C-alpha atoms as a PDB file:
ATOM      1  CA  MET A   1     -11.485 -17.240  16.640  1.00  0.00           C
ATOM      2  CA  ARG A   2     -14.515 -15.010  17.070  1.00  0.00           C
ATOM      3  CA  GLN A   3     -16.322 -12.614  14.766  1.00  0.00           C
ATOM      4  CA  LYS A   4     -17.300  -9.219  16.184  1.00  0.00           C
ATOM      5  CA  LEU A   5     -20.882  -8.356  15.242  1.00  0.00           C
ATOM      6  CA  GLU A   6     -22.855  -5.486  16.759  1.00  0.00           C
ATOM      7  CA  GLY A   7     -20.639  -5.416  19.865  1.00  0.00           C
ATOM      8  CA  GLU A   8     -20.894  -9.170  20.461  1.00  0.00           C
ATOM      9  CA  TYR A   9     -18.289 -11.865  19.697  1.00  0.00           C
ATOM     10  CA  LEU A  10     -19.601 -14.926  17.842  1.00  0.00           C
ATOM     11  CA  LEU A  11     -17.560 -18.134  17.930  1.00  0.00           C
ATOM     12  CA  ARG A  12     -16.288 -19.000  14.423  1.00  0.00           C
ATOM     13  CA  GLN A  13     -13.680 -21.683  15.149  1.00  0.00           C
ATOM     14  CA  LYS A  14     -12.361 -23.474  18.210  1.00  0.00           C
ATOM     15  CA  LEU A  15      -9.069 -25.333  17.864  1.00  0.00           C
ATOM     16  CA  LEU A  16      -7.561 -28.469  19.278  1.00  0.00           C
ATOM     17  CA  TYR A  17      -4.082 -27.614  20.520  1.00  0.00           C
ATOM     18  CA  ILE A  18      -2.460 -30.548  18.734  1.00  0.00           C
ATOM     19  CA  GLU A  19      -0.605 -31.094  15.476  1.00  0.00           C
ATOM     20  CA  PRO A  20      -1.389 -30.438  12.640  1.00  0.00           C
ATOM     21  CA  TYR A  21      -3.618 -27.552  13.860  1.00  0.00           C
ATOM     22  CA  CYS A  22      -0.962 -25.961  16.080  1.00  0.00           C
ATOM     23  CA  VAL A  23       2.742 -26.381  15.338  1.00  0.00           C
ATOM     24  CA  ILE A  24       5.709 -24.948  17.250  1.00  0.00           C
ATOM     25  CA  SER A  25       8.740 -24.241  15.046  1.00  0.00           C
ATOM     26  CA  ASN A  26      12.039 -26.088  15.448  1.00  0.00           C
ATOM     27  CA  ASN A  27      13.609 -23.034  17.121  1.00  0.00           C
ATOM     28  CA  ASN A  28      10.692 -22.894  19.626  1.00  0.00           C
ATOM     29  CA  TYR A  29       9.969 -19.213  18.882  1.00  0.00           C
ATOM     30  CA  THR A  30       7.100 -19.424  16.403  1.00  0.00           C
ATOM     31  CA  LEU A  31       3.637 -20.868  16.844  1.00  0.00           C
ATOM     32  CA  THR A  32       1.703 -21.572  13.642  1.00  0.00           C
ATOM     33  CA  ILE A  33      -2.055 -22.058  13.934  1.00  0.00           C
ATOM     34  CA  LYS A  34      -4.014 -23.446  10.976  1.00  0.00           C
ATOM     35  CA  LEU A  35      -7.428 -21.856  10.533  1.00  0.00           C
ATOM     36  CA  LEU A  36     -10.249 -23.021   8.316  1.00  0.00           C
ATOM     37  CA  SER A  37     -10.436 -21.108   5.031  1.00  0.00           C
ATOM     38  CA  ILE A  38     -14.076 -20.203   5.676  1.00  0.00           C
ATOM     39  CA  ILE A  39     -13.253 -18.257   8.866  1.00  0.00           C
ATOM     40  CA  PHE A  40     -12.469 -14.988   7.064  1.00  0.00           C
ATOM     41  CA  ASN A  41     -15.145 -15.264   4.369  1.00  0.00           C
ATOM     42  CA  LEU A  42     -17.051 -12.070   5.216  1.00  0.00           C
ATOM     43  CA  PRO A  43     -15.769  -8.756   3.812  1.00  0.00           C
ATOM     44  CA  ASN A  44     -15.554  -5.672   6.063  1.00  0.00           C
ATOM     45  CA  THR A  45     -15.664  -7.829   9.188  1.00  0.00           C
ATOM     46  CA  THR A  46     -13.625  -7.759  12.408  1.00  0.00           C
ATOM     47  CA  TYR A  47     -12.402 -10.957  14.063  1.00  0.00           C
ATOM     48  CA  SER A  48     -10.689 -11.549  17.411  1.00  0.00           C
ATOM     49  CA  VAL A  49      -8.144 -14.180  18.409  1.00  0.00           C
ATOM     50  CA  GLU A  50      -8.414 -15.537  21.960  1.00  0.00           C
ATOM     51  CA  ILE A  51      -5.791 -17.833  23.547  1.00  0.00           C
ATOM     52  CA  ASN A  52      -5.832 -18.778  27.232  1.00  0.00           C
ATOM     53  CA  ASP A  53      -2.680 -18.714  29.347  1.00  0.00           C
ATOM     54  CA  GLU A  54      -2.645 -22.476  29.912  1.00  0.00           C
ATOM     55  CA  PHE A  55      -2.057 -23.046  26.195  1.00  0.00           C
ATOM     56  CA  LEU A  56       1.663 -22.286  25.955  1.00  0.00           C
ATOM     57  CA  LYS A  57       4.563 -22.206  28.423  1.00  0.00           C
ATOM     58  CA  TYR A  58       8.027 -20.684  28.189  1.00  0.00           C
ATOM     59  CA  LYS A  59      10.541 -23.456  27.504  1.00  0.00           C
ATOM     60  CA  ASN A  60      13.237 -22.392  29.991  1.00  0.00           C
ATOM     61  CA  ASP A  61      11.170 -21.680  33.114  1.00  0.00           C
ATOM     62  CA  ASN A  62       7.887 -23.554  32.449  1.00  0.00           C
ATOM     63  CA  MET A  63       5.861 -20.390  33.180  1.00  0.00           C
ATOM     64  CA  PRO A  64       2.712 -19.770  31.119  1.00  0.00           C
ATOM     65  CA  VAL A  65       2.877 -17.272  28.270  1.00  0.00           C
ATOM     66  CA  PRO A  66       0.353 -14.483  29.029  1.00  0.00           C
ATOM     67  CA  ASP A  67      -3.012 -15.085  27.434  1.00  0.00           C
ATOM     68  CA  ILE A  68      -4.422 -13.140  24.511  1.00  0.00           C
ATOM     69  CA  ILE A  69      -7.748 -11.851  25.775  1.00  0.00           C
ATOM     70  CA  LEU A  70     -10.837 -11.394  23.636  1.00  0.00           C
ATOM     71  CA  GLY A  71     -10.673  -8.100  21.737  1.00  0.00           C
ATOM     72  CA  LYS A  72      -6.897  -7.575  22.150  1.00  0.00           C
ATOM     73  CA  CYS A  73      -5.699  -9.183  18.879  1.00  0.00           C
ATOM     74  CA  MET A  74      -8.012  -8.060  16.071  1.00  0.00           C
ATOM     75  CA  ILE A  75      -8.055  -9.040  12.380  1.00  0.00           C
ATOM     76  CA  ASN A  76     -10.027  -6.990   9.845  1.00  0.00           C
ATOM     77  CA  THR A  77     -11.101  -8.123   6.377  1.00  0.00           C
ATOM     78  CA  SER A  78     -11.727  -5.832   3.423  1.00  0.00           C
ATOM     79  CA  ILE A  79     -13.963  -6.014   0.375  1.00  0.00           C
ATOM     80  CA  GLY A  80     -11.031  -7.200  -1.737  1.00  0.00           C
ATOM     81  CA  MET A  81      -9.180  -5.881  -4.745  1.00  0.00           C
ATOM     82  CA  LYS A  82     -11.084  -4.082  -7.464  1.00  0.00           C
ATOM     83  CA  GLY A  83     -10.014  -4.769 -11.009  1.00  0.00           C
END
């Protein structure tokens, strides 16, 4: 997980690809990744998920799932709800 700041990507969290951090569902179609709660602690900030193609393989043919490159999967935070 990286934070985008002034056109640069700063590393916020690097994961071990083991349980309990990464869990594949019983039906083998869902990957759940646990992130630290402090990762998204800055309002009005853009973050990027990056996963290399050696991380996950298709069950039936053992081919790697295409990677998620830096900047392709973006998450944006807001300033929150106003009361």
